[in-house]
Amino acid sequence: MFKPSAKAAIVSIMTVGAALSFCLAAARAGDDVTEDQIIRALTPDKKPLTRGLSAGPQTTSPELNADQAKFVQSVRGRSTRSLSSTEREEIASVVKDKPNIDLEITFDYNSANISAKSMPSVQALGRALTSPDLKGSTFVVAGHTDAAGGEAYNQDLSERRADSIKRYLVEKYGLNGTDLVTVGYGKSKLKDPSQPLAEVNRRVQVVNMENKTTAAK
């Protein structure tokens, strides 16, 4: 049997270990993107406080011109697979100056299943897009893959990943499907070209294509 002093030492070690485990869990939780960060990143003229995520230009977001607005209307409600390569590039051109955020939503390898570690970020996205600040806007949900595999395979996978996010947001948060324009870019727009097989390349980017004051209902 342990002596009293030994028992005390063991209890002390266990207590410290539990405290360290709690602190590590808290630190990991703190790394998740928050609803507020997403809202600020996707709202024009507001610069977010970011950590572990990247956001696009947050200067004044130019209004869509007549041709762009007409194009946006033409892709609202379209299926991901129905978009031509020309239309995909046109979407990229329209949104390049729009508020955006790369949430680094990752997926299981060779799969469109959202990874467990990314689920908190997807849920934060759902809450953000249904907030009064953003509700009613039209958003681009763009799927990306790493560089493994052929172009056709990755294009299909990126489209399925974008669809996976859209399906989750519509089913769990009641978002209008026509407000989410899903597009796949395969391996054509790697986040980290220096590491083409890195996990960060298997992601979804969200862009606020137009704010709710100009979005067509």
C-alpha atoms as a PDB file:
ATOM      1  CA  MET A   1       0.000   0.000   0.000  1.00  0.00           C
ATOM      2  CA  PHE A   2       1.057   3.591  -0.602  1.00  0.00           C
ATOM      3  CA  LYS A   3       2.165   5.736   2.312  1.00  0.00           C
ATOM      4  CA  PRO A   4       0.132   8.902   3.004  1.00  0.00           C
ATOM      5  CA  SER A   5       2.882  11.074   1.508  1.00  0.00           C
ATOM      6  CA  ALA A   6       2.998   8.933  -1.629  1.00  0.00           C
ATOM      7  CA  LYS A   7      -0.786   9.051  -1.976  1.00  0.00           C
ATOM      8  CA  ALA A   8      -0.697  12.833  -1.680  1.00  0.00           C
ATOM      9  CA  ALA A   9       1.953  13.034  -4.389  1.00  0.00           C
ATOM     10  CA  ILE A  10      -0.075  10.818  -6.703  1.00  0.00           C
ATOM     11  CA  VAL A  11      -3.241  12.882  -6.136  1.00  0.00           C
ATOM     12  CA  SER A  12      -1.235  16.040  -6.796  1.00  0.00           C
ATOM     13  CA  ILE A  13       0.148  14.645 -10.074  1.00  0.00           C
ATOM     14  CA  MET A  14      -3.326  13.558 -11.174  1.00  0.00           C
ATOM     15  CA  THR A  15      -4.719  16.995 -10.363  1.00  0.00           C
ATOM     16  CA  VAL A  16      -1.993  18.745 -12.346  1.00  0.00           C
ATOM     17  CA  GLY A  17      -2.517  16.331 -15.244  1.00  0.00           C
ATOM     18  CA  ALA A  18      -6.247  17.004 -15.273  1.00  0.00           C
ATOM     19  CA  ALA A  19      -5.623  20.739 -15.209  1.00  0.00           C
ATOM     20  CA  LEU A  20      -3.197  20.484 -18.115  1.00  0.00           C
ATOM     21  CA  SER A  21      -5.688  18.403 -20.105  1.00  0.00           C
ATOM     22  CA  PHE A  22      -8.380  20.999 -19.490  1.00  0.00           C
ATOM     23  CA  CYS A  23      -6.073  23.823 -20.572  1.00  0.00           C
ATOM     24  CA  LEU A  24      -5.086  22.003 -23.764  1.00  0.00           C
ATOM     25  CA  ALA A  25      -8.736  21.338 -24.593  1.00  0.00           C
ATOM     26  CA  ALA A  26      -9.541  24.998 -24.001  1.00  0.00           C
ATOM     27  CA  ALA A  27      -6.674  26.048 -26.234  1.00  0.00           C
ATOM     28  CA  ARG A  28      -7.886  23.794 -29.030  1.00  0.00           C
ATOM     29  CA  ALA A  29     -11.422  25.124 -28.664  1.00  0.00           C
ATOM     30  CA  GLY A  30     -10.078  28.660 -28.803  1.00  0.00           C
ATOM     31  CA  ASP A  31      -8.581  27.943 -32.231  1.00  0.00           C
ATOM     32  CA  ASP A  32     -12.028  27.417 -33.785  1.00  0.00           C
ATOM     33  CA  VAL A  33     -13.309  30.288 -35.879  1.00  0.00           C
ATOM     34  CA  THR A  34     -16.200  32.092 -34.221  1.00  0.00           C
ATOM     35  CA  GLU A  35     -19.543  33.276 -35.537  1.00  0.00           C
ATOM     36  CA  ASP A  36     -18.501  36.879 -34.884  1.00  0.00           C
ATOM     37  CA  GLN A  37     -15.273  36.497 -36.858  1.00  0.00           C
ATOM     38  CA  ILE A  38     -17.188  35.155 -39.843  1.00  0.00           C
ATOM     39  CA  ILE A  39     -19.752  37.949 -39.680  1.00  0.00           C
ATOM     40  CA  ARG A  40     -17.060  40.615 -39.582  1.00  0.00           C
ATOM     41  CA  ALA A  41     -15.117  39.002 -42.416  1.00  0.00           C
ATOM     42  CA  LEU A  42     -18.167  38.776 -44.673  1.00  0.00           C
ATOM     43  CA  THR A  43     -19.534  42.236 -43.899  1.00  0.00           C
ATOM     44  CA  PRO A  44     -18.266  44.974 -46.250  1.00  0.00           C
ATOM     45  CA  ASP A  45     -16.051  47.686 -44.765  1.00  0.00           C
ATOM     46  CA  LYS A  46     -15.256  45.762 -41.595  1.00  0.00           C
ATOM     47  CA  LYS A  47     -11.898  44.119 -40.947  1.00  0.00           C
ATOM     48  CA  PRO A  48     -12.069  40.965 -38.793  1.00  0.00           C
ATOM     49  CA  LEU A  49      -9.752  39.899 -36.024  1.00  0.00           C
ATOM     50  CA  THR A  50      -8.409  36.649 -37.366  1.00  0.00           C
ATOM     51  CA  ARG A  51      -6.502  33.682 -36.076  1.00  0.00           C
ATOM     52  CA  GLY A  52      -5.859  30.534 -38.018  1.00  0.00           C
ATOM     53  CA  LEU A  53      -7.916  31.747 -40.959  1.00  0.00           C
ATOM     54  CA  SER A  54      -7.476  34.123 -43.837  1.00  0.00           C
ATOM     55  CA  ALA A  55      -9.855  36.759 -45.062  1.00  0.00           C
ATOM     56  CA  GLY A  56      -9.895  38.681 -48.292  1.00  0.00           C
ATOM     57  CA  PRO A  57      -9.827  42.439 -48.862  1.00  0.00           C
ATOM     58  CA  GLN A  58     -12.028  44.296 -46.424  1.00  0.00           C
ATOM     59  CA  THR A  59     -12.060  47.708 -48.090  1.00  0.00           C
ATOM     60  CA  THR A  60     -15.209  49.137 -49.626  1.00  0.00           C
ATOM     61  CA  SER A  61     -16.851  46.388 -51.633  1.00  0.00           C
ATOM     62  CA  PRO A  62     -17.849  47.698 -55.087  1.00  0.00           C
ATOM     63  CA  GLU A  63     -21.452  47.256 -56.110  1.00  0.00           C
ATOM     64  CA  LEU A  64     -22.213  44.782 -58.870  1.00  0.00           C
ATOM     65  CA  ASN A  65     -22.595  46.397 -62.248  1.00  0.00           C
ATOM     66  CA  ALA A  66     -25.589  45.539 -64.430  1.00  0.00           C
ATOM     67  CA  ASP A  67     -23.853  42.678 -66.239  1.00  0.00           C
ATOM     68  CA  GLN A  68     -22.539  41.196 -62.998  1.00  0.00           C
ATOM     69  CA  ALA A  69     -25.937  41.441 -61.317  1.00  0.00           C
ATOM     70  CA  LYS A  70     -27.512  39.687 -64.300  1.00  0.00           C
ATOM     71  CA  PHE A  71     -24.887  36.956 -64.117  1.00  0.00           C
ATOM     72  CA  VAL A  72     -25.439  36.471 -60.382  1.00  0.00           C
ATOM     73  CA  GLN A  73     -29.131  36.025 -61.043  1.00  0.00           C
ATOM     74  CA  SER A  74     -28.352  33.415 -63.710  1.00  0.00           C
ATOM     75  CA  VAL A  75     -26.346  31.214 -61.329  1.00  0.00           C
ATOM     76  CA  ARG A  76     -28.599  31.493 -58.289  1.00  0.00           C
ATOM     77  CA  GLY A  77     -30.359  28.168 -57.831  1.00  0.00           C
ATOM     78  CA  ARG A  78     -28.145  26.363 -60.359  1.00  0.00           C
ATOM     79  CA  SER A  79     -26.688  22.983 -59.468  1.00  0.00           C
ATOM     80  CA  THR A  80     -22.936  22.872 -58.926  1.00  0.00           C
ATOM     81  CA  ARG A  81     -22.355  20.403 -61.747  1.00  0.00           C
ATOM     82  CA  SER A  82     -24.306  22.507 -64.248  1.00  0.00           C
ATOM     83  CA  LEU A  83     -21.754  25.330 -64.182  1.00  0.00           C
ATOM     84  CA  SER A  84     -19.393  25.489 -67.141  1.00  0.00           C
ATOM     85  CA  SER A  85     -15.686  26.220 -66.742  1.00  0.00           C
ATOM     86  CA  THR A  86     -16.344  29.694 -68.160  1.00  0.00           C
ATOM     87  CA  GLU A  87     -19.067  30.338 -65.591  1.00  0.00           C
ATOM     88  CA  ARG A  88     -16.822  29.106 -62.778  1.00  0.00           C
ATOM     89  CA  GLU A  89     -14.132  31.571 -63.773  1.00  0.00           C
ATOM     90  CA  GLU A  90     -16.718  34.331 -64.120  1.00  0.00           C
ATOM     91  CA  ILE A  91     -17.818  33.662 -60.539  1.00  0.00           C
ATOM     92  CA  ALA A  92     -14.189  33.920 -59.412  1.00  0.00           C
ATOM     93  CA  SER A  93     -13.887  37.242 -61.238  1.00  0.00           C
ATOM     94  CA  VAL A  94     -17.084  38.693 -59.766  1.00  0.00           C
ATOM     95  CA  VAL A  95     -16.179  37.791 -56.180  1.00  0.00           C
ATOM     96  CA  LYS A  96     -12.483  38.699 -56.217  1.00  0.00           C
ATOM     97  CA  ASP A  97     -13.111  42.059 -54.506  1.00  0.00           C
ATOM     98  CA  LYS A  98     -15.926  40.862 -52.282  1.00  0.00           C
ATOM     99  CA  PRO A  99     -15.731  40.157 -48.530  1.00  0.00           C
ATOM    100  CA  ASN A 100     -14.553  36.597 -48.120  1.00  0.00           C
ATOM    101  CA  ILE A 101     -13.158  34.182 -45.608  1.00  0.00           C
ATOM    102  CA  ASP A 102     -11.263  30.925 -45.973  1.00  0.00           C
ATOM    103  CA  LEU A 103     -12.455  28.829 -43.055  1.00  0.00           C
ATOM    104  CA  GLU A 104     -10.120  25.942 -43.834  1.00  0.00           C
ATOM    105  CA  ILE A 105     -13.014  23.535 -43.598  1.00  0.00           C
ATOM    106  CA  THR A 106     -11.263  20.263 -44.275  1.00  0.00           C
ATOM    107  CA  PHE A 107     -12.569  16.920 -45.405  1.00  0.00           C
ATOM    108  CA  ASP A 108     -11.647  13.306 -44.958  1.00  0.00           C
ATOM    109  CA  TYR A 109      -9.097  12.168 -47.523  1.00  0.00           C
ATOM    110  CA  ASN A 110     -10.657  11.363 -50.913  1.00  0.00           C
ATOM    111  CA  SER A 111     -14.061  12.198 -49.450  1.00  0.00           C
ATOM    112  CA  ALA A 112     -16.731  14.879 -49.301  1.00  0.00           C
ATOM    113  CA  ASN A 113     -17.353  14.087 -45.626  1.00  0.00           C
ATOM    114  CA  ILE A 114     -16.686  17.098 -43.395  1.00  0.00           C
ATOM    115  CA  SER A 115     -13.911  16.265 -40.945  1.00  0.00           C
ATOM    116  CA  ALA A 116     -14.898  16.100 -37.269  1.00  0.00           C
ATOM    117  CA  LYS A 117     -12.398  18.809 -36.351  1.00  0.00           C
ATOM    118  CA  SER A 118     -13.972  21.202 -38.866  1.00  0.00           C
ATOM    119  CA  MET A 119     -17.554  20.734 -37.706  1.00  0.00           C
ATOM    120  CA  PRO A 120     -17.396  23.605 -35.143  1.00  0.00           C
ATOM    121  CA  SER A 121     -16.375  25.968 -37.952  1.00  0.00           C
ATOM    122  CA  VAL A 122     -19.212  24.772 -40.186  1.00  0.00           C
ATOM    123  CA  GLN A 123     -21.673  25.286 -37.334  1.00  0.00           C
ATOM    124  CA  ALA A 124     -20.278  28.770 -36.702  1.00  0.00           C
ATOM    125  CA  LEU A 125     -20.772  29.469 -40.408  1.00  0.00           C
ATOM    126  CA  GLY A 126     -24.388  28.363 -40.198  1.00  0.00           C
ATOM    127  CA  ARG A 127     -25.068  30.676 -37.271  1.00  0.00           C
ATOM    128  CA  ALA A 128     -23.299  33.564 -39.007  1.00  0.00           C
ATOM    129  CA  LEU A 129     -25.171  33.236 -42.292  1.00  0.00           C
ATOM    130  CA  THR A 130     -28.513  33.194 -40.480  1.00  0.00           C
ATOM    131  CA  SER A 131     -27.642  36.244 -38.360  1.00  0.00           C
ATOM    132  CA  PRO A 132     -29.457  39.543 -39.037  1.00  0.00           C
ATOM    133  CA  ASP A 133     -26.161  40.997 -40.284  1.00  0.00           C
ATOM    134  CA  LEU A 134     -25.830  38.568 -43.194  1.00  0.00           C
ATOM    135  CA  LYS A 135     -29.180  36.879 -43.687  1.00  0.00           C
ATOM    136  CA  GLY A 136     -30.515  37.455 -47.187  1.00  0.00           C
ATOM    137  CA  SER A 137     -27.155  37.900 -48.912  1.00  0.00           C
ATOM    138  CA  THR A 138     -26.014  35.662 -51.738  1.00  0.00           C
ATOM    139  CA  PHE A 139     -22.905  33.650 -50.894  1.00  0.00           C
ATOM    140  CA  VAL A 140     -20.475  31.662 -52.966  1.00  0.00           C
ATOM    141  CA  VAL A 141     -19.435  28.370 -51.401  1.00  0.00           C
ATOM    142  CA  ALA A 142     -16.351  27.213 -53.310  1.00  0.00           C
ATOM    143  CA  GLY A 143     -14.931  23.721 -52.922  1.00  0.00           C
ATOM    144  CA  HIS A 144     -11.231  22.964 -53.375  1.00  0.00           C
ATOM    145  CA  THR A 145      -9.066  19.836 -53.315  1.00  0.00           C
ATOM    146  CA  ASP A 146      -5.381  19.087 -52.974  1.00  0.00           C
ATOM    147  CA  ALA A 147      -3.302  18.190 -56.031  1.00  0.00           C
ATOM    148  CA  ALA A 148      -3.494  14.403 -55.698  1.00  0.00           C
ATOM    149  CA  GLY A 149      -5.254  12.708 -58.587  1.00  0.00           C
ATOM    150  CA  GLY A 150      -6.383  13.860 -62.021  1.00  0.00           C
ATOM    151  CA  GLU A 151      -8.180  17.068 -62.891  1.00  0.00           C
ATOM    152  CA  ALA A 152     -11.537  15.470 -63.673  1.00  0.00           C
ATOM    153  CA  TYR A 153     -11.545  13.504 -60.413  1.00  0.00           C
ATOM    154  CA  ASN A 154     -10.639  16.564 -58.343  1.00  0.00           C
ATOM    155  CA  GLN A 155     -13.195  18.738 -60.095  1.00  0.00           C
ATOM    156  CA  ASP A 156     -15.909  16.247 -59.207  1.00  0.00           C
ATOM    157  CA  LEU A 157     -14.648  15.956 -55.621  1.00  0.00           C
ATOM    158  CA  SER A 158     -14.541  19.734 -55.124  1.00  0.00           C
ATOM    159  CA  GLU A 159     -18.123  20.028 -56.360  1.00  0.00           C
ATOM    160  CA  ARG A 160     -19.258  17.313 -53.975  1.00  0.00           C
ATOM    161  CA  ARG A 161     -17.503  19.100 -51.109  1.00  0.00           C
ATOM    162  CA  ALA A 162     -19.226  22.377 -51.888  1.00  0.00           C
ATOM    163  CA  ASP A 163     -22.539  20.519 -52.106  1.00  0.00           C
ATOM    164  CA  SER A 164     -21.828  18.857 -48.759  1.00  0.00           C
ATOM    165  CA  ILE A 165     -21.475  22.222 -47.035  1.00  0.00           C
ATOM    166  CA  LYS A 166     -24.569  23.607 -48.747  1.00  0.00           C
ATOM    167  CA  ARG A 167     -26.647  20.572 -47.801  1.00  0.00           C
ATOM    168  CA  TYR A 168     -25.570  20.865 -44.169  1.00  0.00           C
ATOM    169  CA  LEU A 169     -26.393  24.589 -44.021  1.00  0.00           C
ATOM    170  CA  VAL A 170     -29.785  24.145 -45.660  1.00  0.00           C
ATOM    171  CA  GLU A 171     -30.784  21.138 -43.550  1.00  0.00           C
ATOM    172  CA  LYS A 172     -29.423  22.289 -40.194  1.00  0.00           C
ATOM    173  CA  TYR A 173     -29.882  26.066 -40.391  1.00  0.00           C
ATOM    174  CA  GLY A 174     -32.769  26.510 -42.830  1.00  0.00           C
ATOM    175  CA  LEU A 175     -30.816  28.626 -45.289  1.00  0.00           C
ATOM    176  CA  ASN A 176     -32.412  29.239 -48.680  1.00  0.00           C
ATOM    177  CA  GLY A 177     -30.571  27.073 -51.171  1.00  0.00           C
ATOM    178  CA  THR A 178     -30.755  29.755 -53.862  1.00  0.00           C
ATOM    179  CA  ASP A 179     -28.743  32.080 -51.615  1.00  0.00           C
ATOM    180  CA  LEU A 180     -25.811  29.651 -51.729  1.00  0.00           C
ATOM    181  CA  VAL A 181     -24.042  29.460 -55.079  1.00  0.00           C
ATOM    182  CA  THR A 182     -21.874  26.347 -54.963  1.00  0.00           C
ATOM    183  CA  VAL A 183     -18.898  25.978 -57.259  1.00  0.00           C
ATOM    184  CA  GLY A 184     -15.965  23.576 -57.483  1.00  0.00           C
ATOM    185  CA  TYR A 185     -12.436  24.512 -58.525  1.00  0.00           C
ATOM    186  CA  GLY A 186     -10.738  21.149 -58.148  1.00  0.00           C
ATOM    187  CA  LYS A 187      -7.005  21.554 -57.691  1.00  0.00           C
ATOM    188  CA  SER A 188      -6.763  24.698 -59.825  1.00  0.00           C
ATOM    189  CA  LYS A 189      -6.620  27.161 -56.920  1.00  0.00           C
ATOM    190  CA  LEU A 190      -4.413  25.603 -54.237  1.00  0.00           C
ATOM    191  CA  LYS A 191      -4.151  27.563 -51.016  1.00  0.00           C
ATOM    192  CA  ASP A 192      -0.567  26.392 -50.515  1.00  0.00           C
ATOM    193  CA  PRO A 193       1.022  25.666 -53.913  1.00  0.00           C
ATOM    194  CA  SER A 194       4.333  24.903 -52.213  1.00  0.00           C
ATOM    195  CA  GLN A 195       2.682  21.907 -50.518  1.00  0.00           C
ATOM    196  CA  PRO A 196       0.203  20.661 -53.118  1.00  0.00           C
ATOM    197  CA  LEU A 197      -0.808  17.604 -51.077  1.00  0.00           C
ATOM    198  CA  ALA A 198      -1.278  19.465 -47.776  1.00  0.00           C
ATOM    199  CA  GLU A 199      -4.557  19.226 -45.901  1.00  0.00           C
ATOM    200  CA  VAL A 200      -5.098  23.004 -46.021  1.00  0.00           C
ATOM    201  CA  ASN A 201      -5.792  22.698 -49.733  1.00  0.00           C
ATOM    202  CA  ARG A 202      -8.847  20.502 -49.072  1.00  0.00           C
ATOM    203  CA  ARG A 203     -11.110  23.335 -48.038  1.00  0.00           C
ATOM    204  CA  VAL A 204     -14.159  25.508 -48.699  1.00  0.00           C
ATOM    205  CA  GLN A 205     -14.043  29.262 -49.174  1.00  0.00           C
ATOM    206  CA  VAL A 206     -17.092  31.444 -48.525  1.00  0.00           C
ATOM    207  CA  VAL A 207     -17.609  34.783 -50.277  1.00  0.00           C
ATOM    208  CA  ASN A 208     -20.343  37.374 -49.801  1.00  0.00           C
ATOM    209  CA  MET A 209     -21.214  38.009 -53.457  1.00  0.00           C
ATOM    210  CA  GLU A 210     -23.621  40.838 -52.714  1.00  0.00           C
ATOM    211  CA  ASN A 211     -25.005  42.327 -49.543  1.00  0.00           C
ATOM    212  CA  LYS A 212     -28.610  41.917 -48.551  1.00  0.00           C
ATOM    213  CA  THR A 213     -29.575  45.440 -49.598  1.00  0.00           C
ATOM    214  CA  THR A 214     -28.918  44.532 -53.241  1.00  0.00           C
ATOM    215  CA  ALA A 215     -29.511  40.769 -53.228  1.00  0.00           C
ATOM    216  CA  ALA A 216     -32.436  39.661 -55.312  1.00  0.00           C
ATOM    217  CA  LYS A 217     -35.029  37.716 -53.428  1.00  0.00           C
END
